[in-house]
Amino acid sequence: MLTFERVKPTKPQQPVEKHKPVVKNKKATVPDEWELTPEQKAFIDLFNQDENKKQ
């Protein structure tokens, strides 16, 4: 009895790049050229405060 096996040609694999270190202190930053209202700035600051509490 004969059996056949299909073999897919393999592509040469690229070397695995090391992952960048994860930054745990991610604060929301806004470019200086953005003109935000005080309400918008306060909203962004809420996220920064939440990040500080998680750590």
N, C-alpha and C. Protein backbone atom coordinates (compact mmCIF):
# COMPACT_ATOMS: atom_id res chain seq x y z
N MET A 1 0.84 -1.17 0.00
CA MET A 1 0.00 0.00 0.00
C MET A 1 0.89 1.24 0.00
N LEU A 2 0.58 2.17 -0.85
CA LEU A 2 1.35 3.40 -0.94
C LEU A 2 0.56 4.54 -0.32
N THR A 3 1.27 5.40 0.35
CA THR A 3 0.64 6.60 0.90
C THR A 3 1.39 7.81 0.39
N PHE A 4 0.68 8.88 0.23
CA PHE A 4 1.29 10.11 -0.24
C PHE A 4 1.06 11.20 0.79
N GLU A 5 2.04 12.04 0.92
CA GLU A 5 1.94 13.15 1.85
C GLU A 5 2.23 14.43 1.09
N ARG A 6 1.34 15.40 1.25
CA ARG A 6 1.59 16.68 0.61
C ARG A 6 2.46 17.54 1.52
N VAL A 7 3.48 18.08 0.93
CA VAL A 7 4.40 18.91 1.70
C VAL A 7 4.39 20.30 1.07
N LYS A 8 4.10 21.29 1.89
CA LYS A 8 4.12 22.66 1.40
C LYS A 8 5.56 23.16 1.43
N PRO A 9 5.97 23.86 0.39
CA PRO A 9 7.32 24.43 0.44
C PRO A 9 7.38 25.50 1.53
N THR A 10 8.45 25.51 2.25
CA THR A 10 8.58 26.48 3.34
C THR A 10 9.29 27.73 2.84
N LYS A 11 8.84 28.85 3.37
CA LYS A 11 9.49 30.12 3.05
C LYS A 11 10.63 30.33 4.04
N PRO A 12 11.69 30.94 3.58
CA PRO A 12 12.76 31.23 4.55
C PRO A 12 12.24 32.22 5.59
N GLN A 13 12.46 31.89 6.84
CA GLN A 13 11.96 32.74 7.91
C GLN A 13 12.95 33.85 8.23
N GLN A 14 12.37 35.00 8.50
CA GLN A 14 13.20 36.13 8.89
C GLN A 14 13.57 35.97 10.36
N PRO A 15 14.71 36.50 10.75
CA PRO A 15 15.08 36.39 12.16
C PRO A 15 14.06 37.11 13.03
N VAL A 16 13.80 36.53 14.17
CA VAL A 16 12.82 37.10 15.08
C VAL A 16 13.43 38.34 15.74
N GLU A 17 12.70 39.44 15.63
CA GLU A 17 13.17 40.68 16.25
C GLU A 17 12.73 40.70 17.71
N LYS A 18 13.60 41.20 18.52
CA LYS A 18 13.23 41.33 19.93
C LYS A 18 12.20 42.43 20.07
N HIS A 19 11.24 42.18 20.92
CA HIS A 19 10.19 43.16 21.13
C HIS A 19 10.71 44.34 21.93
N LYS A 20 10.15 45.49 21.63
CA LYS A 20 10.53 46.68 22.38
C LYS A 20 9.99 46.54 23.80
N PRO A 21 10.72 47.04 24.77
CA PRO A 21 10.22 46.95 26.14
C PRO A 21 8.90 47.72 26.29
N VAL A 22 8.01 47.15 27.05
CA VAL A 22 6.70 47.76 27.24
C VAL A 22 6.84 48.88 28.26
N VAL A 23 6.36 50.04 27.89
CA VAL A 23 6.41 51.18 28.79
C VAL A 23 5.17 51.12 29.66
N LYS A 24 5.38 51.02 30.97
CA LYS A 24 4.24 50.91 31.87
C LYS A 24 3.63 52.26 32.20
N ASN A 25 4.41 53.31 32.09
CA ASN A 25 3.90 54.63 32.44
C ASN A 25 3.48 55.34 31.16
N LYS A 26 2.30 55.00 30.68
CA LYS A 26 1.80 55.61 29.45
C LYS A 26 0.88 56.77 29.82
N LYS A 27 1.37 57.95 29.65
CA LYS A 27 0.54 59.12 29.90
C LYS A 27 0.06 59.67 28.57
N ALA A 28 -1.15 60.15 28.58
CA ALA A 28 -1.70 60.75 27.37
C ALA A 28 -1.00 62.08 27.15
N THR A 29 -0.38 62.22 25.99
CA THR A 29 0.28 63.47 25.66
C THR A 29 -0.39 64.07 24.44
N VAL A 30 -0.41 65.37 24.41
CA VAL A 30 -1.07 66.09 23.33
C VAL A 30 -0.03 67.02 22.70
N PRO A 31 0.06 67.03 21.38
CA PRO A 31 0.99 67.96 20.74
C PRO A 31 0.66 69.41 21.10
N ASP A 32 1.69 70.23 21.17
CA ASP A 32 1.50 71.63 21.57
C ASP A 32 0.68 72.42 20.56
N GLU A 33 0.71 72.01 19.29
CA GLU A 33 -0.03 72.78 18.29
C GLU A 33 -1.54 72.55 18.35
N TRP A 34 -1.98 71.56 19.11
CA TRP A 34 -3.42 71.35 19.26
C TRP A 34 -3.98 72.40 20.21
N GLU A 35 -5.06 73.00 19.83
CA GLU A 35 -5.71 73.98 20.69
C GLU A 35 -6.90 73.31 21.35
N LEU A 36 -6.74 73.00 22.63
CA LEU A 36 -7.78 72.28 23.35
C LEU A 36 -8.48 73.22 24.33
N THR A 37 -9.75 72.93 24.54
CA THR A 37 -10.51 73.69 25.52
C THR A 37 -10.13 73.18 26.91
N PRO A 38 -10.40 73.96 27.94
CA PRO A 38 -10.11 73.49 29.30
C PRO A 38 -10.83 72.17 29.62
N GLU A 39 -12.03 71.99 29.08
CA GLU A 39 -12.76 70.75 29.33
C GLU A 39 -12.04 69.56 28.71
N GLN A 40 -11.51 69.76 27.51
CA GLN A 40 -10.79 68.67 26.84
C GLN A 40 -9.51 68.34 27.60
N LYS A 41 -8.81 69.35 28.07
CA LYS A 41 -7.58 69.12 28.84
C LYS A 41 -7.89 68.38 30.13
N ALA A 42 -8.99 68.73 30.79
CA ALA A 42 -9.37 68.05 32.03
C ALA A 42 -9.70 66.59 31.75
N PHE A 43 -10.36 66.33 30.63
CA PHE A 43 -10.71 64.96 30.26
C PHE A 43 -9.45 64.11 30.07
N ILE A 44 -8.45 64.66 29.41
CA ILE A 44 -7.19 63.94 29.20
C ILE A 44 -6.48 63.72 30.53
N ASP A 45 -6.54 64.71 31.41
CA ASP A 45 -5.91 64.57 32.72
C ASP A 45 -6.54 63.45 33.54
N LEU A 46 -7.83 63.20 33.34
CA LEU A 46 -8.48 62.09 34.04
C LEU A 46 -7.83 60.76 33.67
N PHE A 47 -7.49 60.59 32.41
CA PHE A 47 -6.82 59.35 31.99
C PHE A 47 -5.44 59.25 32.64
N ASN A 48 -4.72 60.34 32.74
CA ASN A 48 -3.40 60.31 33.36
C ASN A 48 -3.52 59.94 34.83
N GLN A 49 -4.55 60.43 35.50
CA GLN A 49 -4.75 60.10 36.90
C GLN A 49 -5.09 58.63 37.07
N ASP A 50 -5.91 58.09 36.16
CA ASP A 50 -6.26 56.67 36.22
C ASP A 50 -5.03 55.80 36.04
N GLU A 51 -4.13 56.16 35.14
CA GLU A 51 -2.90 55.39 34.91
C GLU A 51 -2.04 55.39 36.16
N ASN A 52 -1.98 56.51 36.85
CA ASN A 52 -1.17 56.58 38.06
C ASN A 52 -1.75 55.67 39.15
N LYS A 53 -3.09 55.60 39.23
CA LYS A 53 -3.72 54.76 40.26
C LYS A 53 -3.49 53.28 39.98
N LYS A 54 -3.44 52.87 38.71
CA LYS A 54 -3.24 51.47 38.36
C LYS A 54 -1.87 50.99 38.77
N GLN A 55 -0.91 51.88 38.80
CA GLN A 55 0.45 51.49 39.14
C GLN A 55 0.59 51.54 40.61
